Structures are given as structure tokens and as C-alpha cells.
Protein backbone atom coordinates (compact mmCIF):
# COMPACT_ATOMS: atom_id res chain seq x y z
CA UNK A 1 -13.44 -34.44 -12.23
CA UNK A 2 -15.72 -36.65 -14.36
CA UNK A 3 -14.04 -39.14 -16.62
CA UNK A 4 -14.30 -37.98 -20.27
CA UNK A 5 -15.33 -41.44 -21.54
CA UNK A 6 -18.07 -41.60 -19.00
CA UNK A 7 -19.30 -38.15 -20.00
CA UNK A 8 -19.63 -39.20 -23.69
CA UNK A 9 -20.90 -42.69 -22.68
CA UNK A 10 -18.27 -44.55 -24.80
CA UNK A 11 -15.67 -47.19 -23.90
CA UNK A 12 -11.98 -46.33 -23.43
CA UNK A 13 -11.16 -48.19 -26.69
CA UNK A 14 -13.73 -46.26 -28.77
CA UNK A 15 -12.88 -45.14 -32.18
CA UNK A 16 -12.86 -41.54 -33.43
CA UNK A 17 -16.04 -42.06 -35.25
CA UNK A 18 -17.78 -43.51 -32.17
CA UNK A 19 -16.58 -40.55 -30.14
CA UNK A 20 -17.75 -38.11 -32.75
CA UNK A 21 -21.11 -39.85 -33.02
CA UNK A 22 -21.74 -39.84 -29.26
CA UNK A 23 -20.74 -36.21 -29.09
CA UNK A 24 -23.17 -35.14 -31.83
CA UNK A 25 -26.07 -36.95 -30.09
CA UNK A 26 -25.39 -35.40 -26.64
CA UNK A 27 -24.78 -31.93 -28.09
CA UNK A 28 -28.13 -31.99 -29.82
CA UNK A 29 -29.89 -33.15 -26.67
CA UNK A 30 -28.31 -30.48 -24.64
CA UNK A 31 -28.52 -27.54 -27.09
CA UNK A 32 -30.21 -24.55 -25.33
CA UNK A 33 -32.82 -24.32 -28.13
CA UNK A 34 -34.13 -27.72 -27.28
CA UNK A 35 -33.25 -28.30 -23.65
CA UNK A 36 -33.88 -25.59 -21.03
CA UNK A 37 -33.39 -27.75 -18.00
CA UNK A 38 -31.31 -26.05 -15.13
CA UNK A 39 -28.34 -28.54 -15.57
CA UNK A 40 -28.31 -28.57 -19.34
CA UNK A 41 -25.72 -25.77 -19.62
CA UNK A 42 -23.27 -27.43 -17.21
CA UNK A 43 -23.71 -30.83 -18.83
CA UNK A 44 -23.01 -29.13 -22.27
CA UNK A 45 -19.82 -27.74 -20.98
CA UNK A 46 -18.65 -31.25 -19.78
CA UNK A 47 -19.66 -32.92 -23.02
CA UNK A 48 -17.81 -30.30 -25.21
CA UNK A 49 -14.83 -30.47 -23.00
CA UNK A 50 -14.66 -34.25 -23.10
CA UNK A 51 -15.03 -34.29 -26.86
CA UNK A 52 -12.29 -31.43 -27.23
CA UNK A 53 -9.71 -33.84 -25.48
CA UNK A 54 -10.71 -37.18 -26.71
CA UNK A 55 -11.08 -36.03 -30.50
CA UNK A 56 -7.40 -34.91 -30.49
CA UNK A 57 -5.12 -37.99 -30.66
CA UNK A 58 -2.16 -36.23 -28.76
CA UNK A 59 -4.50 -35.00 -26.05
CA UNK A 60 -6.25 -38.31 -25.74
CA UNK A 61 -3.01 -40.12 -25.32
CA UNK A 62 -1.86 -37.67 -22.57
CA UNK A 63 -5.26 -37.97 -20.92
CA UNK A 64 -5.05 -41.84 -20.98
CA UNK A 65 -1.72 -41.56 -19.31
CA UNK A 66 -3.01 -39.31 -16.68
CA UNK A 67 -1.26 -36.06 -17.71
CA UNK A 68 -3.63 -34.49 -20.24
CA UNK A 69 -4.38 -30.81 -20.52
CA UNK A 70 -7.75 -30.32 -18.91
CA UNK A 71 -8.46 -27.58 -21.34
CA UNK A 72 -7.58 -29.55 -24.51
CA UNK A 73 -5.50 -28.53 -27.43
CA UNK A 74 -5.82 -25.63 -30.06
CA UNK A 75 -8.42 -25.23 -32.70
CA UNK A 76 -12.09 -24.62 -32.43
CA UNK A 77 -12.22 -25.69 -28.78
CA UNK A 78 -14.62 -25.83 -25.81
CA UNK A 79 -14.28 -22.10 -25.08
CA UNK A 80 -15.25 -21.20 -28.47
CA UNK A 81 -18.28 -23.45 -28.87
CA UNK A 82 -19.52 -22.67 -25.31
CA UNK A 83 -19.16 -18.85 -25.93
CA UNK A 84 -20.97 -19.26 -29.35
CA UNK A 85 -24.02 -20.93 -27.70
CA UNK A 86 -24.24 -18.95 -24.49
CA UNK A 87 -23.15 -15.52 -25.84
CA UNK A 88 -19.63 -15.42 -24.32
CA UNK A 89 -18.31 -13.94 -27.61
CA UNK A 90 -21.49 -12.13 -28.65
CA UNK A 91 -21.04 -8.60 -29.86
CA UNK A 92 -21.53 -6.10 -26.99
CA UNK A 93 -20.64 -2.99 -28.79
CA UNK A 94 -17.49 -0.98 -28.85
CA UNK A 95 -15.50 -0.74 -25.62
CA UNK A 96 -14.57 2.46 -23.96
CA UNK A 97 -11.11 3.83 -24.77
CA UNK A 98 -10.96 5.49 -21.44
CA UNK A 99 -9.66 3.39 -18.44
CA UNK A 100 -9.39 4.10 -14.69
CA UNK A 101 -6.03 5.30 -13.46
CA UNK A 102 -3.92 3.23 -11.09
CA UNK A 103 -3.89 3.69 -7.27
CA UNK A 104 -0.81 4.97 -5.52
CA UNK A 105 0.67 4.41 -2.05
CA UNK A 106 2.61 7.24 -0.31
CA UNK A 107 4.07 7.59 3.19
CA UNK A 108 3.69 10.66 5.28
CA UNK A 109 5.89 11.42 8.33
CA UNK A 110 4.34 13.18 11.30
CA UNK A 111 5.42 14.45 14.74
CA UNK A 112 3.43 13.70 17.81
CA UNK A 113 2.21 17.30 18.27
CA UNK A 114 0.74 17.12 14.62
CA UNK A 115 -1.06 13.97 15.72
CA UNK A 116 -2.48 15.64 18.75
CA UNK A 117 -4.15 18.29 16.82
CA UNK A 118 -4.12 17.28 13.25
CA UNK A 119 -2.10 18.82 10.42
CA UNK A 120 -2.37 20.21 6.86
CA UNK A 121 0.46 19.18 4.69
CA UNK A 122 1.41 19.71 1.10
CA UNK A 123 3.57 17.03 -0.71
CA UNK A 124 4.86 16.71 -4.31
CA UNK A 125 4.04 13.67 -6.18
CA UNK A 126 4.95 12.39 -9.70
CA UNK A 127 1.94 10.91 -11.38
CA UNK A 128 -0.23 10.88 -14.63
CA UNK A 129 -2.35 14.00 -15.15
CA UNK A 130 -4.82 14.95 -17.83
CA UNK A 131 -3.21 16.23 -21.11
CA UNK A 132 -3.94 19.81 -21.30
CA UNK A 133 -3.44 19.84 -25.15
CA UNK A 134 -6.10 17.28 -26.06
CA UNK A 135 -8.09 17.26 -22.73
CA UNK A 136 -7.92 13.38 -22.79
CA UNK A 137 -9.31 12.97 -26.26
CA UNK A 138 -5.95 11.50 -27.50
CA UNK A 139 -6.34 13.41 -30.76
CA UNK A 140 -4.45 16.43 -32.10
CA UNK A 141 -6.64 19.52 -31.41
CA UNK A 142 -9.12 20.19 -34.20
CA UNK A 143 -9.47 16.58 -35.08
CA UNK A 144 -11.53 13.77 -33.76
CA UNK A 145 -11.51 9.89 -33.96
CA UNK A 146 -12.76 8.36 -37.00
CA UNK A 147 -15.22 5.41 -37.36
CA UNK A 148 -13.35 2.19 -37.95
CA UNK A 149 -13.82 1.14 -41.62
CA UNK A 150 -13.32 -2.46 -40.84
CA UNK A 151 -16.09 -3.08 -38.11
CA UNK A 152 -18.05 0.14 -38.99
CA UNK A 153 -17.93 1.31 -35.44
CA UNK A 154 -19.19 -1.97 -33.76
CA UNK A 155 -15.86 -2.73 -32.27
CA UNK A 156 -16.18 -6.45 -33.27
CA UNK A 157 -16.04 -8.68 -36.38
CA UNK A 158 -18.52 -11.50 -36.83
CA UNK A 159 -17.55 -14.55 -38.77
CA UNK A 160 -19.38 -17.69 -39.88
CA UNK A 161 -17.59 -20.93 -38.72
CA UNK A 162 -18.54 -24.48 -39.72
CA UNK A 163 -18.68 -26.87 -36.70
CA UNK A 164 -19.99 -30.26 -35.93
CA UNK A 165 -23.30 -28.71 -35.18
CA UNK A 166 -23.68 -26.79 -38.40
CA UNK A 167 -22.65 -23.09 -39.33
CA UNK A 168 -22.38 -20.86 -36.29
CA UNK A 169 -21.60 -17.17 -35.91
CA UNK A 170 -18.59 -16.07 -33.82
CA UNK A 171 -17.63 -12.56 -32.70
CA UNK A 172 -14.24 -11.31 -32.03
CA UNK A 173 -12.82 -7.68 -31.15
CA UNK A 174 -11.80 -5.88 -34.29
CA UNK A 175 -8.16 -5.98 -34.79
CA UNK A 176 -8.02 -2.68 -36.72
CA UNK A 177 -9.48 -0.58 -33.90
CA UNK A 178 -8.81 -3.04 -31.00
CA UNK A 179 -12.52 -3.06 -30.10
CA UNK A 180 -12.91 0.71 -29.69
CA UNK A 181 -14.91 1.14 -32.79
CA UNK A 182 -12.93 4.09 -33.73
CA UNK A 183 -9.40 4.89 -34.82
CA UNK A 184 -7.23 7.90 -34.14
CA UNK A 185 -5.36 8.82 -37.27
CA UNK A 186 -3.84 11.95 -35.99
CA UNK A 187 -2.88 11.50 -32.26
CA UNK A 188 -1.99 14.35 -29.97
CA UNK A 189 1.71 15.04 -29.99
CA UNK A 190 1.92 16.15 -26.47
CA UNK A 191 0.72 12.90 -25.04
CA UNK A 192 1.36 10.77 -28.02
CA UNK A 193 -2.37 9.64 -28.23
CA UNK A 194 -2.48 8.59 -24.46
CA UNK A 195 -4.69 11.30 -23.09
CA UNK A 196 -2.51 11.87 -20.17
CA UNK A 197 1.12 12.93 -19.50
CA UNK A 198 3.53 12.45 -16.48
CA UNK A 199 3.89 15.51 -14.29
CA UNK A 200 4.75 16.64 -10.88
CA UNK A 201 1.94 18.00 -8.82
CA UNK A 202 1.20 19.15 -5.40
CA UNK A 203 -1.12 17.19 -3.17
CA UNK A 204 -2.79 18.85 -0.18
CA UNK A 205 -3.52 16.66 2.75
CA UNK A 206 -5.64 17.55 5.69
CA UNK A 207 -4.70 14.74 8.17
CA UNK A 208 -7.11 14.56 11.09
CA UNK A 209 -5.97 14.60 14.65
CA UNK A 210 -5.79 11.21 16.40
CA UNK A 211 -4.27 9.16 13.69
CA UNK A 212 -1.91 6.48 14.82
CA UNK A 213 1.45 5.08 13.38
CA UNK A 214 0.76 2.58 10.61
CA UNK A 215 -2.76 3.97 9.86
CA UNK A 216 -3.76 4.12 6.15
CA UNK A 217 -5.97 6.85 4.90
CA UNK A 218 -7.70 6.61 1.45
CA UNK A 219 -8.11 9.62 -0.73
CA UNK A 220 -10.61 8.67 -3.38
CA UNK A 221 -10.16 10.00 -6.81
CA UNK A 222 -6.73 11.65 -6.09
CA UNK A 223 -4.63 9.25 -7.81
CA UNK A 224 -3.27 9.20 -11.52
CA UNK A 225 -5.54 9.96 -14.41
CA UNK A 226 -6.44 6.86 -16.47
CA UNK A 227 -5.62 6.23 -20.23
CA UNK A 228 -7.63 8.55 -22.56
CA UNK A 229 -8.54 10.89 -19.71
CA UNK A 230 -10.12 8.00 -17.71
CA UNK A 231 -11.22 8.50 -14.00
CA UNK A 232 -8.59 8.97 -11.44
CA UNK A 233 -7.41 6.22 -9.14
CA UNK A 234 -7.15 6.54 -5.38
CA UNK A 235 -4.25 7.52 -3.26
CA UNK A 236 -3.47 5.60 -0.04
CA UNK A 237 -1.59 7.37 2.65
CA UNK A 238 0.43 5.39 5.23
CA UNK A 239 0.98 7.47 8.52
CA UNK A 240 4.51 7.25 10.06
CA UNK A 241 4.70 8.99 13.46
CA UNK A 242 8.14 9.89 14.73
CA UNK A 243 9.00 9.05 18.29
CA UNK A 244 8.90 12.15 20.69
CA UNK A 245 11.76 12.94 23.04
CA UNK A 246 9.62 13.21 26.02
CA UNK A 247 6.07 11.97 25.57
CA UNK A 248 4.86 8.53 24.64
CA UNK A 249 1.35 7.67 23.63
CA UNK A 250 -0.91 4.84 25.03
CA UNK A 251 -4.26 5.03 23.23
CA UNK A 252 -5.11 8.72 23.28
CA UNK A 253 -3.41 9.30 26.60
CA UNK A 254 0.06 10.85 26.90
CA UNK A 255 2.78 9.83 29.44
CA UNK A 256 5.91 11.47 30.56
CA UNK A 257 8.31 11.27 33.52
CA UNK A 258 8.98 14.28 35.92
CA UNK A 259 12.41 14.02 37.72
CA UNK A 260 11.85 15.52 41.19
CA UNK A 261 14.76 16.44 43.51
CA UNK A 262 14.57 14.74 46.93
CA UNK A 263 14.09 17.83 48.85
CA UNK A 264 11.01 18.80 46.62
CA UNK A 265 9.60 15.39 47.03
CA UNK A 266 10.00 15.63 50.90
CA UNK A 267 8.74 19.10 51.35
CA UNK A 268 6.56 19.64 48.22
CA UNK A 269 6.78 22.20 45.50
CA UNK A 270 5.25 23.58 42.20
CA UNK A 271 6.90 22.86 38.85
CA UNK A 272 6.15 24.06 35.30
CA UNK A 273 6.08 21.54 32.53
CA UNK A 274 5.83 22.05 28.81
CA UNK A 275 2.77 20.29 27.33
CA UNK A 276 1.37 20.47 23.75
CA UNK A 277 -1.03 23.13 24.97
CA UNK A 278 1.78 25.25 26.37
CA UNK A 279 3.33 25.63 29.71
CA UNK A 280 1.29 24.06 32.69
CA UNK A 281 2.07 24.30 36.48
CA UNK A 282 1.68 21.16 38.50
CA UNK A 283 1.72 20.60 42.26
CA UNK A 284 4.23 18.18 43.77
CA UNK A 285 2.73 17.11 47.13
CA UNK A 286 5.01 16.98 50.22
CA UNK A 287 5.97 13.31 50.72
CA UNK A 288 5.66 12.35 47.06
CA UNK A 289 7.12 8.95 46.10
CA UNK A 290 8.62 7.64 43.01
CA UNK A 291 5.85 6.06 40.78
CA UNK A 292 3.10 8.47 41.79
CA UNK A 293 1.30 10.22 38.95
CA UNK A 294 -0.14 13.72 38.45
CA UNK A 295 -3.18 13.38 36.26
CA UNK A 296 -3.95 16.32 33.79
CA UNK A 297 -7.23 15.87 32.10
CA UNK A 298 -7.81 16.66 28.32
CA UNK A 299 -4.23 17.22 27.74
CA UNK A 300 -3.73 14.14 25.58
CA UNK A 301 -4.41 13.23 21.95
CA UNK A 302 -7.66 14.37 20.17
CA UNK A 303 -9.93 11.45 19.58
CA UNK A 304 -9.89 10.36 16.05
CA UNK A 305 -13.54 9.36 16.15
CA UNK A 306 -15.96 11.32 18.44
CA UNK A 307 -15.04 14.34 20.37
CA UNK A 308 -12.76 15.29 23.29
CA UNK A 309 -9.25 14.34 24.16
CA UNK A 310 -7.23 11.88 26.11
CA UNK A 311 -5.42 12.78 29.36
CA UNK A 312 -1.83 13.42 30.29
CA UNK A 313 -0.13 11.28 33.05
CA UNK A 314 3.05 12.75 34.63
CA UNK A 315 4.89 10.02 36.60
CA UNK A 316 7.21 11.30 39.40
CA UNK A 317 10.72 9.97 39.70
CA UNK A 318 12.41 11.08 42.93
CA UNK A 319 16.15 11.74 42.52
CA UNK A 320 18.45 10.62 45.25
CA UNK A 321 21.57 12.86 45.30
CA UNK A 322 24.67 10.92 44.40
CA UNK A 323 27.50 13.35 45.33
CA UNK A 324 27.23 15.52 48.53
CA UNK A 325 29.73 17.79 50.20
CA UNK A 326 30.65 17.60 53.81
CA UNK A 327 27.91 20.22 54.94
CA UNK A 328 25.16 18.37 53.03
CA UNK A 329 26.19 15.02 54.52
CA UNK A 330 26.11 16.50 57.93
CA UNK A 331 22.49 17.70 57.33
CA UNK A 332 21.41 14.18 56.32
CA UNK A 333 23.20 12.80 59.39
CA UNK A 334 21.14 15.16 61.63
CA UNK A 335 17.98 14.21 59.75
CA UNK A 336 18.70 10.45 60.27
CA UNK A 337 19.31 10.94 64.02
CA UNK A 338 15.94 12.75 64.24
CA UNK A 339 14.21 9.97 62.49
CA UNK A 340 15.56 6.98 64.30
CA UNK A 341 12.19 5.24 64.17
CA UNK A 342 12.60 4.74 60.33
CA UNK A 343 13.67 1.17 59.52
CA UNK A 344 15.02 -0.72 56.39
CA UNK A 345 12.65 -3.59 56.03
CA UNK A 346 11.53 -6.18 53.45
CA UNK A 347 7.90 -6.00 52.35
CA UNK A 348 5.69 -7.79 49.91
CA UNK A 349 5.83 -6.40 46.34
CA UNK A 350 2.59 -5.02 45.09
CA UNK A 351 1.94 -4.19 41.40
CA UNK A 352 1.49 -0.40 40.93
CA UNK A 353 2.16 0.35 44.63
CA UNK A 354 2.86 3.79 43.78
CA UNK A 355 0.42 4.46 40.87
CA UNK A 356 -1.88 6.62 42.96
CA UNK A 357 -3.11 9.37 40.74
CA UNK A 358 -3.66 12.97 41.75
CA UNK A 359 -5.75 15.48 40.02
CA UNK A 360 -4.31 18.98 39.34
């Protein structure tokens, strides 16, 4: 930050009169009416800021000690002067009473089958809705806002202020109407002049297929009504998907495990499984091993963007019997004697050795 003394071109022991004289000289040189150079506005800000600090004995002392307030003390300060010259406080007409409503965040729980195909849900929310009595006008029915007597509808009050540079005009929001230019003398009793009331309403959601846990959807213009019937805010919907007892999701593909008795894995069989599309029959090939997969196309989750669906992968898990009666044990002994060539041996581990996929 530039040193205030350097900005004004005075020494650190300059008197108040010297500081004032230096400021007047620079302010006239940088006045927008006489200086239209590109950097004049920024230099005028620095000069005014420096003068505001150094012309106040308390602020100057703090500044000299290294702890001064960079925005100076009270009174007719830098912000007032700068806004006067460059239109910061110039009258812009009355401001609108209506304001945009706030946004809201809600969570919606979904099951996996709702995610696969999409779902229509209706939820109840507490929010601000348009006042039916006054339709957002804030006035008692049959009445209307009156033009403010103080500012005559302009929403602002102009005053002439004496400054170091002469008499200047300042503009401030009207305190009587708070800048609206109108006053409501007979407010609506239902909403107490707010133009909106708190109510519980139903919100219908059409959640597309393919959404994921943690996804946030935006419903534009579905939030609360703003003050004085202003436009509605937005609603953001956080999706929470409950875990399924059988199926897990990887991308848009679904995975499950099919426990296969040992004899069916050896001899082969057909099995019926329940999918989100209904019951489907799959083929268990003879000699199937644990880890092999049955691939069912287009039985997964519908793609959120684009068309089509993911696939379903059924991983086989061969079940070795733990308890056998004497007859069953004898059968296995006979099988073992018939397959004496089979050996128990150590082999190299291969990642996904049994991940061979079979089409239905």
C-alpha cells in the first residue's frame, strides 16, 4: 500500500494546514471534470484516502504507529467523496420491493430398483408460498401502496453538503420508505405485509433413471417465494440410494453372486434368478468353477445420459458340502477312486483366473 505522506507529497512532520493545502491542490488536479486520464480516478481514491487518515489526529497517530485503520475514521470520508464524484451514491430510482426467494436443499431416499428405471416421488416440504389474500402486493385487498411524501416516489433523498472542494450533492435512500418510493399504510393481515406466508405443500419429483448416490439435482424456480411475491428460489435435491440386499452397482453394471451346489457345478444345470426385469433363467455349465461369471446384457441400470442400459454379471460360487452322511461319503470315496489322476498341487496365482464370462 502506498505511503499516505508520499501520496500527498508532504513530509511526515507536516502540519494540518500543509496536509489540507496539498490535498486541495491534488484533488483539483484529479477532479474528473478537468482530468480524464485513465489513472486519474485511482489516484483520486488514493489521495482522498490518504487525506482522510492524516487529517484526523487520532487516525494519523495510529497510522504513524503502524496500526491505523486503512479506511479512516467517521465523518465525511473517502467513500462519501468518491461516491459523490463518480456516481456511487447517485439516485438510481426506487428499488423493487420484491426479492428473490431463498434456495432449499432436501434429501430424497431411493431404492436400487427406482434407480434402474427412474421414479416419480411426491414429498411434503415446509416453505414460503405466495399470499393468496393479497397475491404478493403486501396490501390489504382493495388498497394499494401510496407514493412516499418524503422522497415523492424517487426512493432517495438528496442533500447539499459542504466539502473542501465546495458544495456537493449527496444522495441517500429515503428513510421513510426505505428506498422503495412507496409506503404501505394498510398492510395485508394474512401475511403481515410480507406478500408470502409459510405453508406445507407437495412437491412432485420425476427423478430420472441412472442417478447415483450423492448426485445433486437442481429444480429451478421450485423453492420458496420471495418477499413481496418475488420470484421463487431453487430447490436442490440430494440423492441417497439405499444398499440392496443382493445387487451391487459398478457404474451402470449390476453384480450379484449365485451360490451353486457342488453337484450342479460338476454336472451343469439351469437356475432361475430374480432380476429387476423379473425372473430370468440362466445356464450353469458343467464343470463351472467359483469366480466364473454369467453375463446378462442390458439387465443393468439405465444410462443417465444417452440411451440403453448397463449389464448384469452373475458370479458363481461353488458350495462345498460341509456335512455328509455315510452314504454320501461313500459316493465321494468312489468318485475319488475313479479320479486317481487328480492331484493337489501348488500353482502360480493369476488375477481373475476364473473371471471368464459366458453369454446367456
